[in-house]
Amino acid sequence: VIPPPVIHIESYSEDSISFSLKMTTNIKVSGYVVNIYWTFDTHRQEKRTLIIEGEKSIQKVANLTAHTPYEISAWAKTELGDSPLSFVHVVTSGTRPASPSLKAKAINQTAVECSWTGPRNVVYGIFYATSFLELYRSPHNTTTTSHNITVLVQRDEQYLFLV
């Protein structure tokens, strides 16, 4: 039986998490697959996937958000097949940034100007869809470091926007 890998949180800060991966077995490990999950504004679950080669590994994941819960799951790729999943949870330190205040204004039938308030020198994600279900499951999205963006949409549709 292949055991799940051990995920150990080495350290965390406002914008990063460092963790180690190891197996408690003599089975040869060729690498790991790691998923980092977090929820954006209770509407959208985000995921980042890492493919890691080798038996032992210490990884640092950066560009995270302060005071946000993250779930890390991992499985090992071995000579006998894939291991079961293991999970850990960690909350980054610091104070979570305030939610931006979004304004969306139609420029014409296919363009919407979105602008918002918030801190400088961060990356903003803009999510939009024609229904709450689509906004949760598979929204259109883009990112920017500025405080405004023009989004192209389909004519004769109503849209919901999140930033």
N, C-alpha and C. Protein backbone atom coordinates (compact mmCIF):
# COMPACT_ATOMS: atom_id res chain seq x y z
N VAL A 1 0.86 -1.18 0.00
CA VAL A 1 0.00 0.00 0.00
C VAL A 1 0.89 1.23 0.00
N ILE A 2 0.58 2.18 -0.86
CA ILE A 2 1.33 3.43 -0.93
C ILE A 2 0.72 4.40 0.07
N PRO A 3 1.50 4.93 1.01
CA PRO A 3 0.94 5.90 1.96
C PRO A 3 0.85 7.29 1.33
N PRO A 4 0.00 8.17 1.89
CA PRO A 4 -0.03 9.54 1.39
C PRO A 4 1.23 10.29 1.82
N PRO A 5 1.61 11.33 1.10
CA PRO A 5 2.79 12.10 1.50
C PRO A 5 2.50 12.90 2.77
N VAL A 6 3.57 13.28 3.46
CA VAL A 6 3.45 14.14 4.63
C VAL A 6 3.72 15.57 4.16
N ILE A 7 2.77 16.45 4.43
CA ILE A 7 2.93 17.87 4.11
C ILE A 7 3.19 18.58 5.43
N HIS A 8 4.32 19.26 5.53
CA HIS A 8 4.65 19.99 6.76
C HIS A 8 4.80 21.47 6.44
N ILE A 9 4.03 22.31 7.13
CA ILE A 9 4.14 23.76 6.94
C ILE A 9 5.41 24.21 7.65
N GLU A 10 6.38 24.70 6.88
CA GLU A 10 7.65 25.16 7.44
C GLU A 10 7.51 26.57 7.99
N SER A 11 6.84 27.45 7.23
CA SER A 11 6.62 28.83 7.67
C SER A 11 5.54 29.45 6.79
N TYR A 12 5.01 30.58 7.25
CA TYR A 12 4.06 31.35 6.45
C TYR A 12 4.15 32.80 6.86
N SER A 13 3.74 33.67 5.94
CA SER A 13 3.77 35.11 6.17
C SER A 13 2.48 35.69 5.61
N GLU A 14 2.47 37.01 5.42
CA GLU A 14 1.29 37.66 4.84
C GLU A 14 1.04 37.24 3.41
N ASP A 15 2.12 36.94 2.66
CA ASP A 15 1.94 36.68 1.24
C ASP A 15 2.60 35.41 0.72
N SER A 16 3.01 34.52 1.64
CA SER A 16 3.64 33.28 1.17
C SER A 16 3.48 32.15 2.19
N ILE A 17 3.63 30.93 1.69
CA ILE A 17 3.63 29.72 2.52
C ILE A 17 4.78 28.85 2.05
N SER A 18 5.60 28.37 2.99
CA SER A 18 6.66 27.39 2.69
C SER A 18 6.28 26.07 3.32
N PHE A 19 6.42 24.99 2.55
CA PHE A 19 6.06 23.67 3.07
C PHE A 19 7.01 22.63 2.50
N SER A 20 7.11 21.52 3.24
CA SER A 20 7.94 20.41 2.77
C SER A 20 7.04 19.22 2.48
N LEU A 21 7.53 18.36 1.58
CA LEU A 21 6.85 17.13 1.21
C LEU A 21 7.81 15.97 1.40
N LYS A 22 7.33 14.88 1.99
CA LYS A 22 8.15 13.68 2.07
C LYS A 22 7.24 12.47 2.19
N MET A 23 7.81 11.32 1.89
CA MET A 23 7.08 10.06 1.99
C MET A 23 7.71 9.22 3.10
N THR A 24 6.87 8.53 3.84
CA THR A 24 7.35 7.64 4.90
C THR A 24 7.33 6.20 4.40
N THR A 25 8.05 5.96 3.31
CA THR A 25 8.09 4.64 2.70
C THR A 25 9.39 4.50 1.90
N ASN A 26 9.75 3.30 1.58
CA ASN A 26 10.92 3.06 0.75
C ASN A 26 10.59 3.00 -0.74
N ILE A 27 9.32 3.21 -1.08
CA ILE A 27 8.90 3.21 -2.49
C ILE A 27 9.51 4.44 -3.17
N LYS A 28 10.09 4.24 -4.35
CA LYS A 28 10.73 5.34 -5.07
C LYS A 28 9.69 6.35 -5.54
N VAL A 29 9.92 7.62 -5.20
CA VAL A 29 9.03 8.72 -5.58
C VAL A 29 9.66 9.49 -6.73
N SER A 30 8.88 9.70 -7.79
CA SER A 30 9.40 10.48 -8.92
C SER A 30 8.98 11.95 -8.84
N GLY A 31 7.97 12.25 -8.04
CA GLY A 31 7.53 13.64 -7.91
C GLY A 31 6.21 13.75 -7.18
N TYR A 32 5.71 14.97 -7.12
CA TYR A 32 4.46 15.27 -6.41
C TYR A 32 3.60 16.18 -7.27
N VAL A 33 2.29 16.10 -7.04
CA VAL A 33 1.35 17.06 -7.60
C VAL A 33 0.69 17.74 -6.41
N VAL A 34 0.78 19.07 -6.38
CA VAL A 34 0.27 19.85 -5.26
C VAL A 34 -0.77 20.84 -5.78
N ASN A 35 -1.90 20.91 -5.09
CA ASN A 35 -2.92 21.92 -5.39
C ASN A 35 -3.09 22.82 -4.18
N ILE A 36 -3.12 24.11 -4.41
CA ILE A 36 -3.38 25.10 -3.36
C ILE A 36 -4.72 25.73 -3.69
N TYR A 37 -5.68 25.63 -2.76
CA TYR A 37 -7.02 26.15 -2.96
C TYR A 37 -7.29 27.30 -2.00
N TRP A 38 -8.07 28.27 -2.46
CA TRP A 38 -8.58 29.32 -1.59
C TRP A 38 -9.88 29.83 -2.21
N THR A 39 -10.69 30.50 -1.39
CA THR A 39 -11.98 31.00 -1.86
C THR A 39 -11.91 32.50 -2.01
N PHE A 40 -12.32 32.97 -3.15
CA PHE A 40 -12.35 34.39 -3.44
C PHE A 40 -13.74 34.93 -3.16
N ASP A 41 -13.89 35.78 -2.16
CA ASP A 41 -15.14 36.51 -1.88
C ASP A 41 -16.35 35.58 -1.77
N THR A 42 -16.17 34.37 -1.25
CA THR A 42 -17.20 33.34 -1.08
C THR A 42 -17.92 32.95 -2.38
N HIS A 43 -17.51 33.50 -3.51
CA HIS A 43 -18.17 33.18 -4.77
C HIS A 43 -17.34 32.26 -5.66
N ARG A 44 -16.04 32.32 -5.53
CA ARG A 44 -15.19 31.66 -6.52
C ARG A 44 -14.03 30.97 -5.83
N GLN A 45 -13.92 29.66 -6.02
CA GLN A 45 -12.78 28.93 -5.49
C GLN A 45 -11.65 28.98 -6.52
N GLU A 46 -10.49 29.40 -6.05
CA GLU A 46 -9.31 29.49 -6.92
C GLU A 46 -8.39 28.32 -6.62
N LYS A 47 -7.54 27.98 -7.60
CA LYS A 47 -6.61 26.87 -7.43
C LYS A 47 -5.33 27.17 -8.17
N ARG A 48 -4.22 26.81 -7.55
CA ARG A 48 -2.91 26.87 -8.21
C ARG A 48 -2.34 25.46 -8.12
N THR A 49 -1.83 24.92 -9.23
CA THR A 49 -1.27 23.57 -9.26
C THR A 49 0.23 23.63 -9.48
N LEU A 50 0.98 22.85 -8.67
CA LEU A 50 2.42 22.74 -8.81
C LEU A 50 2.77 21.31 -9.17
N ILE A 51 3.62 21.12 -10.16
CA ILE A 51 4.15 19.79 -10.50
C ILE A 51 5.60 19.81 -10.02
N ILE A 52 5.93 18.94 -9.09
CA ILE A 52 7.25 18.95 -8.46
C ILE A 52 7.95 17.64 -8.76
N GLU A 53 9.17 17.74 -9.28
CA GLU A 53 9.97 16.56 -9.59
C GLU A 53 10.87 16.22 -8.40
N GLY A 54 11.13 14.94 -8.19
CA GLY A 54 12.05 14.51 -7.14
C GLY A 54 11.38 13.93 -5.93
N GLU A 55 12.20 13.35 -5.03
CA GLU A 55 11.68 12.65 -3.86
C GLU A 55 11.34 13.54 -2.68
N LYS A 56 12.24 14.44 -2.31
CA LYS A 56 11.99 15.33 -1.18
C LYS A 56 11.91 16.74 -1.71
N SER A 57 11.11 17.55 -1.05
CA SER A 57 10.90 18.86 -1.62
C SER A 57 10.50 19.87 -0.56
N ILE A 58 11.10 21.05 -0.63
CA ILE A 58 10.62 22.20 0.13
C ILE A 58 10.21 23.23 -0.90
N GLN A 59 8.99 23.72 -0.79
CA GLN A 59 8.43 24.65 -1.76
C GLN A 59 7.99 25.94 -1.06
N LYS A 60 8.10 27.04 -1.78
CA LYS A 60 7.56 28.31 -1.30
C LYS A 60 6.58 28.82 -2.34
N VAL A 61 5.36 29.10 -1.90
CA VAL A 61 4.33 29.64 -2.77
C VAL A 61 4.14 31.10 -2.37
N ALA A 62 4.34 32.01 -3.33
CA ALA A 62 4.26 33.45 -3.05
C ALA A 62 3.05 34.06 -3.74
N ASN A 63 2.93 35.36 -3.63
CA ASN A 63 1.82 36.13 -4.21
C ASN A 63 0.47 35.69 -3.65
N LEU A 64 0.42 35.44 -2.34
CA LEU A 64 -0.82 35.08 -1.68
C LEU A 64 -1.41 36.30 -0.98
N THR A 65 -2.60 36.15 -0.44
CA THR A 65 -3.30 37.25 0.23
C THR A 65 -3.22 37.09 1.74
N ALA A 66 -3.01 38.21 2.44
CA ALA A 66 -2.91 38.19 3.90
C ALA A 66 -4.21 37.72 4.54
N HIS A 67 -4.07 37.03 5.66
CA HIS A 67 -5.18 36.55 6.50
C HIS A 67 -6.26 35.82 5.68
N THR A 68 -5.78 34.88 4.86
CA THR A 68 -6.67 34.10 4.00
C THR A 68 -6.42 32.62 4.25
N PRO A 69 -7.50 31.82 4.42
CA PRO A 69 -7.32 30.38 4.59
C PRO A 69 -6.95 29.71 3.26
N TYR A 70 -5.94 28.85 3.31
CA TYR A 70 -5.50 28.07 2.16
C TYR A 70 -5.53 26.60 2.51
N GLU A 71 -5.90 25.76 1.54
CA GLU A 71 -5.84 24.31 1.68
C GLU A 71 -4.80 23.81 0.69
N ILE A 72 -3.87 23.02 1.20
CA ILE A 72 -2.85 22.42 0.35
C ILE A 72 -3.11 20.92 0.31
N SER A 73 -3.25 20.38 -0.90
CA SER A 73 -3.39 18.93 -1.06
C SER A 73 -2.25 18.45 -1.94
N ALA A 74 -1.82 17.22 -1.69
CA ALA A 74 -0.70 16.68 -2.47
C ALA A 74 -0.83 15.17 -2.58
N TRP A 75 -0.32 14.65 -3.69
CA TRP A 75 -0.14 13.21 -3.84
C TRP A 75 1.20 12.98 -4.50
N ALA A 76 1.74 11.80 -4.22
CA ALA A 76 3.06 11.44 -4.76
C ALA A 76 2.89 10.56 -5.98
N LYS A 77 3.78 10.75 -6.95
CA LYS A 77 3.88 9.87 -8.12
C LYS A 77 5.02 8.90 -7.81
N THR A 78 4.71 7.60 -7.76
CA THR A 78 5.72 6.60 -7.41
C THR A 78 5.85 5.56 -8.51
N GLU A 79 6.85 4.69 -8.33
CA GLU A 79 7.05 3.61 -9.30
C GLU A 79 5.90 2.61 -9.30
N LEU A 80 5.09 2.59 -8.22
CA LEU A 80 3.96 1.67 -8.13
C LEU A 80 2.61 2.34 -8.43
N GLY A 81 2.64 3.64 -8.72
CA GLY A 81 1.40 4.37 -8.99
C GLY A 81 1.29 5.60 -8.11
N ASP A 82 0.14 6.25 -8.17
CA ASP A 82 -0.09 7.46 -7.38
C ASP A 82 -0.53 7.13 -5.96
N SER A 83 -0.08 7.94 -5.02
CA SER A 83 -0.46 7.76 -3.61
C SER A 83 -1.83 8.40 -3.37
N PRO A 84 -2.41 8.11 -2.20
CA PRO A 84 -3.62 8.85 -1.80
C PRO A 84 -3.26 10.32 -1.53
N LEU A 85 -4.28 11.15 -1.46
CA LEU A 85 -4.11 12.58 -1.17
C LEU A 85 -3.86 12.81 0.31
N SER A 86 -3.09 13.86 0.62
CA SER A 86 -3.05 14.38 1.97
C SER A 86 -3.35 15.87 1.92
N PHE A 87 -3.83 16.39 3.05
CA PHE A 87 -4.29 17.77 3.11
C PHE A 87 -3.72 18.46 4.35
N VAL A 88 -3.46 19.76 4.22
CA VAL A 88 -3.19 20.62 5.37
C VAL A 88 -3.89 21.94 5.11
N HIS A 89 -4.19 22.64 6.20
CA HIS A 89 -4.82 23.96 6.11
C HIS A 89 -3.94 24.96 6.84
N VAL A 90 -3.85 26.16 6.30
CA VAL A 90 -3.07 27.22 6.93
C VAL A 90 -3.72 28.56 6.58
N VAL A 91 -3.65 29.49 7.52
CA VAL A 91 -4.15 30.85 7.29
C VAL A 91 -2.94 31.78 7.29
N THR A 92 -2.77 32.54 6.21
CA THR A 92 -1.65 33.47 6.15
C THR A 92 -1.80 34.53 7.23
N SER A 93 -0.68 35.10 7.65
CA SER A 93 -0.70 36.10 8.72
C SER A 93 -1.09 37.47 8.17
N GLY A 94 -1.17 38.45 9.05
CA GLY A 94 -1.46 39.82 8.65
C GLY A 94 -2.93 40.13 8.63
N THR A 95 -3.24 41.26 8.06
CA THR A 95 -4.61 41.75 7.97
C THR A 95 -5.08 41.66 6.53
N ARG A 96 -6.23 41.05 6.35
CA ARG A 96 -6.77 40.91 4.99
C ARG A 96 -7.09 42.29 4.43
N PRO A 97 -6.72 42.54 3.19
CA PRO A 97 -7.02 43.84 2.59
C PRO A 97 -8.53 44.07 2.51
N ALA A 98 -8.93 45.33 2.63
CA ALA A 98 -10.35 45.67 2.51
C ALA A 98 -10.81 45.37 1.09
N SER A 99 -12.07 44.99 0.96
CA SER A 99 -12.63 44.73 -0.37
C SER A 99 -12.69 46.03 -1.15
N PRO A 100 -12.32 45.99 -2.42
CA PRO A 100 -12.40 47.20 -3.24
C PRO A 100 -13.86 47.62 -3.45
N SER A 101 -14.06 48.88 -3.70
CA SER A 101 -15.38 49.41 -4.01
C SER A 101 -15.47 49.55 -5.53
N LEU A 102 -16.29 48.73 -6.16
CA LEU A 102 -16.35 48.63 -7.62
C LEU A 102 -17.48 49.47 -8.20
N LYS A 103 -17.18 50.14 -9.31
CA LYS A 103 -18.19 50.83 -10.11
C LYS A 103 -18.06 50.31 -11.53
N ALA A 104 -19.19 49.93 -12.14
CA ALA A 104 -19.20 49.45 -13.51
C ALA A 104 -20.16 50.33 -14.31
N LYS A 105 -19.68 50.83 -15.45
CA LYS A 105 -20.48 51.74 -16.27
C LYS A 105 -20.38 51.29 -17.73
N ALA A 106 -21.54 51.10 -18.35
CA ALA A 106 -21.57 50.71 -19.77
C ALA A 106 -21.10 51.88 -20.62
N ILE A 107 -20.13 51.61 -21.49
CA ILE A 107 -19.64 52.61 -22.44
C ILE A 107 -20.47 52.55 -23.71
N ASN A 108 -20.75 51.33 -24.14
CA ASN A 108 -21.63 51.10 -25.30
C ASN A 108 -22.23 49.71 -25.11
N GLN A 109 -22.77 49.10 -26.16
CA GLN A 109 -23.45 47.81 -26.02
C GLN A 109 -22.49 46.64 -25.79
N THR A 110 -21.19 46.83 -26.03
CA THR A 110 -20.25 45.71 -25.87
C THR A 110 -19.04 46.04 -25.00
N ALA A 111 -19.05 47.17 -24.31
CA ALA A 111 -17.91 47.53 -23.47
C ALA A 111 -18.39 48.12 -22.15
N VAL A 112 -17.76 47.66 -21.06
CA VAL A 112 -18.07 48.15 -19.72
C VAL A 112 -16.79 48.64 -19.08
N GLU A 113 -16.82 49.87 -18.57
CA GLU A 113 -15.67 50.44 -17.86
C GLU A 113 -15.83 50.12 -16.38
N CYS A 114 -14.86 49.37 -15.84
CA CYS A 114 -14.87 49.01 -14.42
C CYS A 114 -13.78 49.83 -13.72
N SER A 115 -14.11 50.42 -12.59
CA SER A 115 -13.11 51.14 -11.80
C SER A 115 -13.38 50.84 -10.33
N TRP A 116 -12.33 50.91 -9.51
CA TRP A 116 -12.46 50.55 -8.10
C TRP A 116 -11.41 51.27 -7.28
N THR A 117 -11.63 51.24 -5.98
CA THR A 117 -10.67 51.80 -5.03
C THR A 117 -9.91 50.64 -4.39
N GLY A 118 -8.74 50.92 -3.87
CA GLY A 118 -7.96 49.89 -3.19
C GLY A 118 -6.50 50.23 -3.18
N PRO A 119 -5.70 49.40 -2.52
CA PRO A 119 -4.27 49.68 -2.40
C PRO A 119 -3.55 49.62 -3.76
N ARG A 120 -2.43 50.28 -3.83
CA ARG A 120 -1.58 50.27 -5.03
C ARG A 120 -0.62 49.08 -4.97
N ASN A 121 0.02 48.79 -6.08
CA ASN A 121 1.06 47.75 -6.16
C ASN A 121 0.55 46.37 -5.79
N VAL A 122 -0.69 46.07 -6.14
CA VAL A 122 -1.23 44.71 -5.97
C VAL A 122 -1.88 44.29 -7.29
N VAL A 123 -2.16 43.02 -7.42
CA VAL A 123 -2.84 42.51 -8.62
C VAL A 123 -4.31 42.33 -8.28
N TYR A 124 -5.16 42.88 -9.13
CA TYR A 124 -6.61 42.74 -8.96
C TYR A 124 -7.13 41.75 -9.99
N GLY A 125 -8.09 40.94 -9.57
CA GLY A 125 -8.79 40.04 -10.47
C GLY A 125 -10.18 40.58 -10.72
N ILE A 126 -10.59 40.63 -11.95
CA ILE A 126 -11.93 41.09 -12.32
C ILE A 126 -12.66 39.88 -12.89
N PHE A 127 -13.79 39.56 -12.27
CA PHE A 127 -14.59 38.40 -12.66
C PHE A 127 -15.96 38.89 -13.11
N TYR A 128 -16.49 38.33 -14.19
CA TYR A 128 -17.80 38.77 -14.66
C TYR A 128 -18.52 37.62 -15.35
N ALA A 129 -19.85 37.65 -15.25
CA ALA A 129 -20.69 36.59 -15.81
C ALA A 129 -22.12 37.10 -15.91
N THR A 130 -22.95 36.32 -16.59
CA THR A 130 -24.35 36.71 -16.78
C THR A 130 -25.28 36.16 -15.70
N SER A 131 -24.75 35.32 -14.79
CA SER A 131 -25.57 34.79 -13.69
C SER A 131 -24.67 34.50 -12.49
N PHE A 132 -25.27 34.39 -11.32
CA PHE A 132 -24.49 34.04 -10.12
C PHE A 132 -23.87 32.66 -10.26
N LEU A 133 -24.61 31.72 -10.86
CA LEU A 133 -24.07 30.37 -11.05
C LEU A 133 -22.83 30.41 -11.95
N GLU A 134 -22.90 31.13 -13.05
CA GLU A 134 -21.75 31.24 -13.94
C GLU A 134 -20.61 32.00 -13.25
N LEU A 135 -20.95 33.01 -12.44
CA LEU A 135 -19.93 33.77 -11.71
C LEU A 135 -19.18 32.86 -10.74
N TYR A 136 -19.89 31.89 -10.17
CA TYR A 136 -19.26 30.95 -9.23
C TYR A 136 -18.48 29.85 -9.95
N ARG A 137 -19.06 29.30 -11.01
CA ARG A 137 -18.47 28.12 -11.65
C ARG A 137 -17.42 28.44 -12.72
N SER A 138 -17.73 29.35 -13.61
CA SER A 138 -16.79 29.60 -14.71
C SER A 138 -16.93 31.03 -15.25
N PRO A 139 -16.54 32.00 -14.45
CA PRO A 139 -16.67 33.39 -14.92
C PRO A 139 -15.60 33.74 -15.94
N HIS A 140 -15.86 34.76 -16.72
CA HIS A 140 -14.82 35.39 -17.50
C HIS A 140 -13.95 36.13 -16.49
N ASN A 141 -12.66 36.23 -16.75
CA ASN A 141 -11.83 36.96 -15.80
C ASN A 141 -10.59 37.52 -16.46
N THR A 142 -10.04 38.52 -15.81
CA THR A 142 -8.80 39.13 -16.23
C THR A 142 -8.13 39.72 -15.00
N THR A 143 -6.86 40.06 -15.11
CA THR A 143 -6.15 40.67 -13.99
C THR A 143 -5.47 41.94 -14.45
N THR A 144 -5.23 42.83 -13.48
CA THR A 144 -4.54 44.08 -13.76
C THR A 144 -3.97 44.64 -12.46
N THR A 145 -2.96 45.47 -12.58
CA THR A 145 -2.41 46.16 -11.41
C THR A 145 -2.96 47.59 -11.32
N SER A 146 -3.75 48.00 -12.29
CA SER A 146 -4.33 49.35 -12.25
C SER A 146 -5.66 49.32 -11.51
N HIS A 147 -6.34 50.46 -11.47
CA HIS A 147 -7.62 50.58 -10.76
C HIS A 147 -8.79 50.74 -11.72
N ASN A 148 -8.57 50.42 -12.98
CA ASN A 148 -9.68 50.44 -13.93
C ASN A 148 -9.31 49.58 -15.13
N ILE A 149 -10.36 49.12 -15.80
CA ILE A 149 -10.17 48.30 -17.00
C ILE A 149 -11.47 48.34 -17.80
N THR A 150 -11.35 48.26 -19.11
CA THR A 150 -12.52 48.15 -19.96
C THR A 150 -12.68 46.69 -20.35
N VAL A 151 -13.85 46.16 -20.09
CA VAL A 151 -14.16 44.75 -20.34
C VAL A 151 -15.11 44.67 -21.53
N LEU A 152 -14.79 43.79 -22.47
CA LEU A 152 -15.66 43.57 -23.62
C LEU A 152 -16.66 42.46 -23.30
N VAL A 153 -17.94 42.72 -23.57
CA VAL A 153 -19.02 41.78 -23.24
C VAL A 153 -19.90 41.56 -24.47
N GLN A 154 -20.80 40.60 -24.37
CA GLN A 154 -21.76 40.33 -25.44
C GLN A 154 -22.90 41.34 -25.35
N ARG A 155 -23.39 41.76 -26.50
CA ARG A 155 -24.51 42.70 -26.49
C ARG A 155 -25.78 42.02 -26.01
N ASP A 156 -26.71 42.80 -25.52
CA ASP A 156 -28.03 42.35 -25.07
C ASP A 156 -27.97 41.35 -23.93
N GLU A 157 -26.98 41.48 -23.05
CA GLU A 157 -26.86 40.64 -21.85
C GLU A 157 -26.65 41.54 -20.64
N GLN A 158 -27.10 41.09 -19.49
CA GLN A 158 -26.80 41.78 -18.23
C GLN A 158 -25.67 41.01 -17.56
N TYR A 159 -24.74 41.73 -16.95
CA TYR A 159 -23.56 41.10 -16.35
C TYR A 159 -23.43 41.45 -14.88
N LEU A 160 -22.86 40.52 -14.12
CA LEU A 160 -22.46 40.73 -12.74
C LEU A 160 -20.94 40.84 -12.72
N PHE A 161 -20.42 41.75 -11.91
CA PHE A 161 -18.98 41.97 -11.84
C PHE A 161 -18.49 41.85 -10.41
N LEU A 162 -17.30 41.28 -10.24
CA LEU A 162 -16.57 41.24 -8.96
C LEU A 162 -15.16 41.70 -9.22
N VAL A 163 -14.56 42.39 -8.24
CA VAL A 163 -13.15 42.73 -8.33
C VAL A 163 -12.50 42.33 -7.02
